[in-house]
Amino acid sequence: MNILVLGGDGYLGWPTALYLSRKGHKVGVVDNFARRGYDLEMGVDTLVPIVGLQQRVRRWQEVSGNEIDVFVGDLTDADFVSSTLASFEPDTVVHFAEQRSAPYSMIDRKHAVYTQVNNVVGTLNLVYAIAEQNRDIHLVKLGTMGEYGTPNIDIEEGYIEITHQGRTDLLPYPKQPGSFYHLSKVHDSHNIMFACRIWGIRATDLNQGIVYGHETEETSLHPDLATRFDYDGVFGTVLNRFCVQAVTGHPITVYGAGGQTRGMLNILDTLACVELACENPAERGEFRVFNQFTESFSVQQMADMVAAEYSGPVTIEHPPTPRVEKEEHYYRAAHTKLLDLGLVPHLLTSSVIRSLLSVCEQHKDKVDPAAILPTVDWRSTSSSLVTAGSHGAGAPDVGESASAEVG
């Protein structure tokens, strides 16, 4: 297939592009490097060094013999979106290209507005371009399990059957998002579902859990092919942050009681899930929802696992959570549809945690301790970023759309 990966310079977009290229698909990547701009804004950097996109693509061609087409531009630019689809003629569009950090979206009004304009307008431009050019293009959109929130009932895969006053219908599962970022993903889902209904386009919404791991078979072929490893308090994911804290001798910080439970999956399973969605497309007019995770853990459980696997002394502290969230809650979410298509999960084992700790140990001289702790308070309408080298809390000047990843 011709597969266009939006956000192809990012943590998940880049290894996905390599994986699909190695599988024999013709791959194009789209990015505007906004994700790299967020690092400049906050004065932090990926723990694992990464090179520029053009150098990445050249190295991949040397290593694999496969070419990847590069399109540099912004999804909020409708003309760019239309011309890119017309040029590449994709069978499938894999859409990672959004600002994906909940804390970033909660810094202040400017960052909240930026996140929603970036994500919602970019996706709207995309579905319009698909409807206008080729309604058989399959849109594989990376959503998030965070759309659902933490209801006191089981979470279904996208839809729930409701009986009310004697009548029954299958309805979209109610959403209780926890940040302006997660709200933007809910708006995306509603807009895409509407586009499927009125224009007959085909779409798969992958409600992804928190991804861990940074190395794939393809990225390990050369240092120039490495992907990001974020550990800071704004973009860093929970396992990365805990592992960095452990190897640098800082207490592992579990926000609040630590009972916050989330769906998790290995980066290798992200690649497999995207491939399964691409190879088994939705029908014309179908808005399909898959919950894309393999296991669920509480924050406290993950802290305990890291502490158990690290060879040195580790302490765990419980600072107040900066988020407005339930610290103890029921959490049971269905995730069978990708398993039915053939997903074979890579689970969070001791060896996986040790591999993350090893990466942190290798690069621990690059860790900025000031970047780890939270600086964004959900209860405030204006938080100040105080990471080292910070340029302040303005939204990035590198473009107004298409960040390189989703989480």
Protein backbone atom coordinates (compact mmCIF):
# COMPACT_ATOMS: atom_id res chain seq x y z
CA MET A 1 0.00 0.00 0.00
CA ASN A 2 0.88 3.68 -0.16
CA ILE A 3 0.84 4.71 3.51
CA LEU A 4 1.24 8.33 4.58
CA VAL A 5 2.37 8.75 8.21
CA LEU A 6 1.46 12.14 9.65
CA GLY A 7 3.74 13.19 12.48
CA GLY A 8 6.39 10.89 11.03
CA ASP A 9 9.28 12.63 12.82
CA GLY A 10 7.98 11.78 16.30
CA TYR A 11 8.31 9.19 19.03
CA LEU A 12 5.78 6.81 17.48
CA GLY A 13 5.48 8.17 13.96
CA TRP A 14 9.12 7.58 13.08
CA PRO A 15 9.38 3.91 14.13
CA THR A 16 5.97 3.27 12.56
CA ALA A 17 7.22 4.66 9.24
CA LEU A 18 10.33 2.44 9.39
CA TYR A 19 8.30 -0.62 10.32
CA LEU A 20 5.82 -0.17 7.49
CA SER A 21 8.63 0.58 5.04
CA ARG A 22 10.43 -2.64 5.97
CA LYS A 23 7.15 -4.50 5.46
CA GLY A 24 7.22 -3.42 1.80
CA HIS A 25 4.78 -0.52 1.79
CA LYS A 26 5.54 2.75 0.04
CA VAL A 27 5.79 5.20 2.92
CA GLY A 28 5.64 8.98 3.11
CA VAL A 29 6.06 11.05 6.26
CA VAL A 30 4.61 14.48 7.06
CA ASP A 31 5.83 16.77 9.82
CA ASN A 32 6.39 20.42 10.65
CA PHE A 33 8.84 19.76 13.53
CA ALA A 34 6.60 21.35 16.14
CA ARG A 35 7.53 18.58 18.60
CA ARG A 36 11.19 19.58 18.37
CA GLY A 37 10.06 23.16 18.95
CA TYR A 38 8.40 22.24 22.24
CA ASP A 39 11.79 21.08 23.51
CA LEU A 40 13.30 24.43 22.57
CA GLU A 41 10.43 26.20 24.31
CA MET A 42 10.83 24.27 27.55
CA GLY A 43 14.61 24.00 27.54
CA VAL A 44 14.67 20.20 27.64
CA ASP A 45 15.63 17.47 25.20
CA THR A 46 15.07 13.81 24.48
CA LEU A 47 17.30 11.64 26.65
CA VAL A 48 18.29 9.50 23.66
CA PRO A 49 19.83 11.74 20.97
CA ILE A 50 18.02 11.96 17.65
CA VAL A 51 19.16 13.42 14.32
CA GLY A 52 17.18 15.51 11.85
CA LEU A 53 14.46 13.96 9.73
CA GLN A 54 16.31 14.24 6.42
CA GLN A 55 19.36 12.53 7.92
CA ARG A 56 17.13 9.83 9.37
CA VAL A 57 15.57 9.17 5.98
CA ARG A 58 18.94 9.06 4.20
CA ARG A 59 20.28 6.61 6.79
CA TRP A 60 17.22 4.40 6.44
CA GLN A 61 17.73 4.22 2.68
CA GLU A 62 21.40 3.25 3.21
CA VAL A 63 20.53 0.59 5.77
CA SER A 64 17.41 -0.89 4.17
CA GLY A 65 17.47 0.15 0.53
CA ASN A 66 13.97 1.60 0.95
CA GLU A 67 13.03 5.21 0.25
CA ILE A 68 10.70 7.28 2.39
CA ASP A 69 9.11 10.40 0.90
CA VAL A 70 9.22 13.53 3.09
CA PHE A 71 6.61 16.29 3.14
CA VAL A 72 7.30 19.26 5.41
CA GLY A 73 4.25 21.32 6.26
CA ASP A 74 1.36 22.06 8.55
CA LEU A 75 -1.99 20.30 8.80
CA THR A 76 -3.77 23.56 9.62
CA ASP A 77 -2.79 24.63 6.10
CA ALA A 78 -5.60 23.11 4.04
CA ASP A 79 -3.79 23.67 0.72
CA PHE A 80 -0.75 21.79 2.01
CA VAL A 81 -2.88 18.87 3.17
CA SER A 82 -4.71 18.65 -0.16
CA SER A 83 -1.57 18.92 -2.27
CA THR A 84 0.24 16.30 -0.17
CA LEU A 85 -2.59 13.78 -0.56
CA ALA A 86 -2.79 14.50 -4.28
CA SER A 87 0.97 14.04 -4.69
CA PHE A 88 1.41 10.86 -2.63
CA GLU A 89 -1.96 9.24 -3.42
CA PRO A 90 -2.19 7.23 -0.18
CA ASP A 91 -4.31 4.16 0.32
CA THR A 92 -4.01 4.71 4.08
CA VAL A 93 -3.24 7.76 6.20
CA VAL A 94 -1.85 7.07 9.70
CA HIS A 95 -2.46 10.20 11.76
CA PHE A 96 -0.07 10.80 14.70
CA ALA A 97 0.31 14.51 13.97
CA GLU A 98 -1.07 16.21 17.06
CA GLN A 99 0.11 17.99 20.19
CA ARG A 100 -0.13 15.04 22.54
CA SER A 101 0.71 16.30 26.03
CA ALA A 102 -2.03 16.83 28.60
CA PRO A 103 0.21 19.01 30.82
CA TYR A 104 1.23 21.16 27.85
CA SER A 105 -2.42 21.83 27.05
CA MET A 106 -3.05 22.90 30.66
CA ILE A 107 -0.24 25.47 31.00
CA ASP A 108 -2.47 28.46 30.24
CA ARG A 109 -5.07 29.79 27.82
CA LYS A 110 -2.56 30.16 24.98
CA HIS A 111 -1.44 26.56 25.16
CA ALA A 112 -5.01 25.25 25.51
CA VAL A 113 -6.14 27.20 22.44
CA TYR A 114 -3.03 26.18 20.49
CA THR A 115 -3.61 22.50 21.30
CA GLN A 116 -7.24 22.51 20.23
CA VAL A 117 -6.69 24.56 17.06
CA ASN A 118 -3.68 22.44 16.13
CA ASN A 119 -5.38 19.11 16.69
CA VAL A 120 -9.00 19.75 15.70
CA VAL A 121 -8.39 22.01 12.68
CA GLY A 122 -5.61 19.80 11.35
CA THR A 123 -7.83 16.73 11.51
CA LEU A 124 -10.75 18.59 9.94
CA ASN A 125 -8.54 19.63 7.02
CA LEU A 126 -7.51 16.02 6.63
CA VAL A 127 -11.02 14.55 6.53
CA TYR A 128 -12.11 17.24 4.06
CA ALA A 129 -9.16 16.42 1.79
CA ILE A 130 -9.99 12.71 1.94
CA ALA A 131 -13.66 13.38 1.15
CA GLU A 132 -12.77 15.64 -1.77
CA GLN A 133 -10.05 13.47 -3.32
CA ASN A 134 -10.64 9.80 -2.59
CA ARG A 135 -13.22 8.50 -0.12
CA ASP A 136 -11.64 5.05 -0.22
CA ILE A 137 -8.58 6.31 1.67
CA HIS A 138 -8.55 4.61 5.06
CA LEU A 139 -7.87 7.02 7.92
CA VAL A 140 -6.12 5.37 10.88
CA LYS A 141 -6.32 7.97 13.62
CA LEU A 142 -4.40 7.71 16.89
CA GLY A 143 -6.79 8.59 19.66
CA THR A 144 -6.32 8.00 23.38
CA MET A 145 -7.86 5.95 26.17
CA GLY A 146 -7.91 9.26 28.06
CA GLU A 147 -11.02 10.21 26.10
CA TYR A 148 -13.05 7.88 28.32
CA GLY A 149 -11.83 9.13 31.69
CA THR A 150 -12.36 6.82 34.67
CA PRO A 151 -16.09 5.94 34.85
CA ASN A 152 -17.40 3.64 37.55
CA ILE A 153 -18.54 1.14 34.91
CA ASP A 154 -16.68 -0.97 32.35
CA ILE A 155 -15.29 0.93 29.36
CA GLU A 156 -16.35 -0.56 26.03
CA GLU A 157 -14.62 -0.20 22.65
CA GLY A 158 -16.10 2.99 21.34
CA TYR A 159 -19.80 2.14 21.65
CA ILE A 160 -22.21 1.05 24.38
CA GLU A 161 -25.69 -0.43 24.11
CA ILE A 162 -28.16 1.66 26.08
CA THR A 163 -31.73 0.76 27.00
CA HIS A 164 -33.78 3.77 28.06
CA GLN A 165 -37.50 3.81 28.72
CA GLY A 166 -37.98 0.58 26.84
CA ARG A 167 -35.95 1.49 23.74
CA THR A 168 -32.44 0.27 22.92
CA ASP A 169 -29.71 1.83 20.79
CA LEU A 170 -25.96 1.44 20.23
CA LEU A 171 -24.43 4.81 21.09
CA PRO A 172 -20.93 6.31 21.32
CA TYR A 173 -19.47 5.57 24.75
CA PRO A 174 -19.73 8.67 27.01
CA LYS A 175 -16.48 10.65 27.22
CA GLN A 176 -15.03 12.24 30.36
CA PRO A 177 -11.67 13.67 29.18
CA GLY A 178 -9.22 14.96 31.75
CA SER A 179 -7.47 17.83 29.96
CA PHE A 180 -7.85 20.22 27.06
CA TYR A 181 -5.60 17.85 25.09
CA HIS A 182 -7.92 14.91 25.77
CA LEU A 183 -10.89 17.13 24.90
CA SER A 184 -9.30 17.82 21.52
CA LYS A 185 -9.17 14.07 20.88
CA VAL A 186 -12.85 13.76 21.74
CA HIS A 187 -13.64 16.53 19.25
CA ASP A 188 -11.55 14.66 16.65
CA SER A 189 -13.50 11.46 17.25
CA HIS A 190 -16.84 13.22 16.87
CA ASN A 191 -15.74 15.05 13.72
CA ILE A 192 -14.38 11.90 12.08
CA MET A 193 -17.49 9.89 13.00
CA PHE A 194 -19.64 12.63 11.48
CA ALA A 195 -17.52 12.64 8.30
CA CYS A 196 -17.92 8.89 7.97
CA ARG A 197 -21.68 9.24 8.28
CA ILE A 198 -22.18 12.09 5.82
CA TRP A 199 -19.44 11.42 3.25
CA GLY A 200 -18.96 7.68 3.52
CA ILE A 201 -15.24 7.83 4.29
CA ARG A 202 -13.65 4.96 6.22
CA ALA A 203 -11.84 5.46 9.55
CA THR A 204 -10.36 3.54 12.45
CA ASP A 205 -9.94 5.36 15.77
CA LEU A 206 -7.17 3.74 17.81
CA ASN A 207 -7.75 4.73 21.43
CA GLN A 208 -4.20 4.16 22.57
CA GLY A 209 -2.97 3.67 26.09
CA ILE A 210 0.35 4.92 27.46
CA VAL A 211 3.24 3.61 25.36
CA TYR A 212 6.56 2.51 26.87
CA GLY A 213 9.82 1.44 25.24
CA HIS A 214 11.93 3.27 22.69
CA GLU A 215 13.69 0.60 20.63
CA THR A 216 12.36 -1.44 17.72
CA GLU A 217 14.02 -3.83 15.32
CA GLU A 218 14.34 -1.00 12.81
CA THR A 219 15.51 1.81 15.11
CA SER A 220 18.24 -0.44 16.54
CA LEU A 221 19.92 -0.81 13.14
CA HIS A 222 21.82 2.50 13.46
CA PRO A 223 22.04 5.34 16.03
CA ASP A 224 20.69 7.75 13.39
CA LEU A 225 17.43 5.75 13.38
CA ALA A 226 16.75 6.13 17.12
CA THR A 227 13.49 7.57 18.33
CA ARG A 228 12.77 9.92 21.23
CA PHE A 229 12.92 9.14 24.96
CA ASP A 230 11.04 11.83 26.92
CA TYR A 231 11.29 12.00 30.70
CA ASP A 232 10.35 15.59 31.59
CA GLY A 233 7.27 16.58 33.57
CA VAL A 234 5.37 17.85 30.51
CA PHE A 235 6.02 15.28 27.76
CA GLY A 236 7.66 12.41 29.64
CA THR A 237 5.62 9.27 30.20
CA VAL A 238 5.30 7.66 33.60
CA LEU A 239 7.68 4.69 33.23
CA ASN A 240 10.36 6.84 31.61
CA ARG A 241 10.12 9.34 34.44
CA PHE A 242 10.29 6.68 37.15
CA CYS A 243 13.31 4.98 35.54
CA VAL A 244 15.17 8.28 35.19
CA GLN A 245 14.46 9.15 38.80
CA ALA A 246 15.72 5.76 39.95
CA VAL A 247 19.05 5.85 38.11
CA THR A 248 19.78 9.46 39.08
CA GLY A 249 19.16 8.86 42.78
CA HIS A 250 16.03 10.97 43.03
CA PRO A 251 12.86 9.73 44.75
CA ILE A 252 10.27 8.19 42.46
CA THR A 253 7.37 10.63 42.59
CA VAL A 254 3.94 9.00 42.59
CA TYR A 255 1.33 11.75 42.37
CA GLY A 256 -1.23 11.52 45.14
CA ALA A 257 -2.37 8.11 46.36
CA GLY A 258 -1.05 6.34 43.26
CA GLY A 259 -4.23 4.46 42.47
CA GLN A 260 -4.62 6.16 39.08
CA THR A 261 -4.88 3.23 36.67
CA ARG A 262 -4.16 3.40 32.95
CA GLY A 263 -3.92 1.09 29.96
CA MET A 264 -0.34 0.44 28.83
CA LEU A 265 1.34 -1.06 25.78
CA ASN A 266 4.79 -1.74 24.42
CA ILE A 267 5.99 0.33 21.46
CA LEU A 268 6.30 -2.93 19.50
CA ASP A 269 2.57 -3.46 19.95
CA THR A 270 1.83 0.07 18.70
CA LEU A 271 3.53 -0.87 15.44
CA ALA A 272 1.65 -4.17 15.24
CA CYS A 273 -1.71 -2.52 16.00
CA VAL A 274 -1.23 0.11 13.31
CA GLU A 275 -0.26 -2.59 10.83
CA LEU A 276 -3.33 -4.67 11.69
CA ALA A 277 -5.57 -1.62 11.25
CA CYS A 278 -3.98 -0.83 7.87
CA GLU A 279 -4.25 -4.38 6.58
CA ASN A 280 -7.86 -4.78 7.77
CA PRO A 281 -9.47 -1.46 6.80
CA ALA A 282 -12.82 -0.17 7.94
CA GLU A 283 -15.73 -0.40 5.52
CA ARG A 284 -16.93 2.63 3.54
CA GLY A 285 -18.89 4.83 5.94
CA GLU A 286 -17.66 2.95 9.00
CA PHE A 287 -16.21 4.71 12.06
CA ARG A 288 -14.48 1.89 13.87
CA VAL A 289 -13.00 2.16 17.37
CA PHE A 290 -10.29 -0.08 18.81
CA ASN A 291 -8.99 0.27 22.36
CA GLN A 292 -5.25 -0.07 21.82
CA PHE A 293 -3.58 -1.32 24.99
CA THR A 294 -2.57 -4.69 26.40
CA GLU A 295 -2.41 -4.33 30.20
CA SER A 296 -3.57 -1.99 32.96
CA PHE A 297 -1.48 -0.84 35.91
CA SER A 298 -1.82 1.73 38.65
CA VAL A 299 0.86 4.38 39.00
CA GLN A 300 1.87 2.83 42.34
CA GLN A 301 2.25 -0.60 40.74
CA MET A 302 4.57 0.83 38.09
CA ALA A 303 6.66 2.63 40.71
CA ASP A 304 6.97 -0.60 42.68
CA MET A 305 8.05 -2.52 39.57
CA VAL A 306 10.78 0.00 38.78
CA ALA A 307 11.99 0.00 42.39
CA ALA A 308 12.09 -3.80 42.40
CA GLU A 309 14.19 -4.01 39.22
CA TYR A 310 16.70 -1.25 39.95
CA SER A 311 19.88 -2.55 41.53
CA GLY A 312 20.48 0.48 43.74
CA PRO A 313 18.51 2.09 46.58
CA VAL A 314 15.17 3.62 45.62
CA THR A 315 12.67 5.66 47.60
CA ILE A 316 9.09 6.43 46.60
CA GLU A 317 7.41 9.69 47.54
CA HIS A 318 3.80 10.85 47.15
CA PRO A 319 3.60 14.57 46.34
CA PRO A 320 0.15 16.07 45.74
CA THR A 321 -1.12 15.42 42.24
CA PRO A 322 -1.02 18.52 40.02
CA ARG A 323 -3.95 17.14 38.05
CA VAL A 324 -7.66 17.13 38.82
CA GLU A 325 -8.24 13.38 38.82
CA LYS A 326 -9.47 10.49 40.91
CA GLU A 327 -6.54 9.02 42.84
CA GLU A 328 -8.37 5.74 43.47
CA HIS A 329 -10.96 4.46 41.00
CA TYR A 330 -12.50 1.50 39.22
CA TYR A 331 -10.90 0.74 35.86
CA ARG A 332 -11.85 -2.09 33.52
CA ALA A 333 -11.68 -1.49 29.79
CA ALA A 334 -12.43 -3.83 26.90
CA HIS A 335 -9.64 -4.38 24.38
CA THR A 336 -10.50 -7.42 22.29
CA LYS A 337 -10.83 -6.19 18.72
CA LEU A 338 -7.10 -5.99 17.95
CA LEU A 339 -6.55 -9.34 19.66
CA ASP A 340 -9.25 -10.76 17.37
CA LEU A 341 -7.29 -9.44 14.36
CA GLY A 342 -4.18 -11.30 15.54
CA LEU A 343 -2.30 -9.04 17.95
CA VAL A 344 0.23 -10.98 20.05
CA PRO A 345 1.06 -8.67 22.99
CA HIS A 346 4.51 -7.88 24.36
CA LEU A 347 3.87 -7.57 28.09
CA LEU A 348 5.56 -5.40 30.71
CA THR A 349 8.06 -7.87 32.11
CA SER A 350 11.05 -7.44 34.40
CA SER A 351 13.38 -7.58 31.40
CA VAL A 352 11.53 -4.70 29.71
CA ILE A 353 11.86 -2.51 32.79
CA ARG A 354 15.54 -3.41 33.09
CA SER A 355 16.05 -2.39 29.46
CA LEU A 356 14.49 1.02 30.17
CA LEU A 357 16.69 1.40 33.23
CA SER A 358 19.72 0.50 31.10
CA VAL A 359 18.90 3.26 28.59
CA CYS A 360 18.55 5.77 31.44
CA GLU A 361 21.84 4.61 32.96
CA GLN A 362 23.61 4.99 29.61
CA HIS A 363 22.44 8.59 29.19
CA LYS A 364 22.03 9.74 32.80
CA ASP A 365 24.68 12.45 32.41
CA LYS A 366 22.17 14.23 30.13
CA VAL A 367 19.34 14.24 32.68
CA ASP A 368 18.14 17.64 33.86
CA PRO A 369 16.65 16.99 37.33
CA ALA A 370 14.69 20.27 37.20
CA ALA A 371 12.80 18.99 34.17
CA ILE A 372 11.35 15.92 35.92
CA LEU A 373 9.07 17.50 38.51
CA PRO A 374 5.63 18.83 37.55
CA THR A 375 5.34 22.54 36.77
CA VAL A 376 1.77 22.60 35.42
CA ASP A 377 -1.15 22.88 37.85
CA TRP A 378 -4.57 21.88 36.51
CA ARG A 379 -6.26 24.12 39.10
CA SER A 380 -4.54 27.24 37.82
CA THR A 381 -5.38 29.09 34.61
CA SER A 382 -1.71 30.03 34.19
CA SER A 383 1.27 27.85 35.10
CA SER A 384 4.88 28.85 34.62
CA LEU A 385 7.34 26.44 33.07
CA VAL A 386 10.46 26.46 35.20
CA THR A 387 12.55 23.83 33.46
CA ALA A 388 16.22 24.62 32.97
CA GLY A 389 16.89 26.83 29.99
CA SER A 390 13.20 27.62 29.64
CA HIS A 391 12.25 30.28 27.15
CA GLY A 392 8.93 30.87 28.90
CA ALA A 393 5.42 29.60 28.42
CA GLY A 394 4.62 30.80 24.93
CA ALA A 395 3.34 28.38 22.33
CA PRO A 396 6.01 27.32 19.83
CA ASP A 397 7.03 29.50 16.92
CA VAL A 398 7.92 26.58 14.66
CA GLY A 399 4.46 26.12 13.18
CA GLU A 400 0.89 25.89 14.29
CA SER A 401 0.19 22.20 13.70
CA ALA A 402 1.34 18.63 13.31
CA SER A 403 3.29 17.63 16.34
CA ALA A 404 5.05 14.36 15.86
CA GLU A 405 3.31 12.05 18.28
CA VAL A 406 0.29 10.99 20.29
CA GLY A 407 -0.01 9.71 23.79
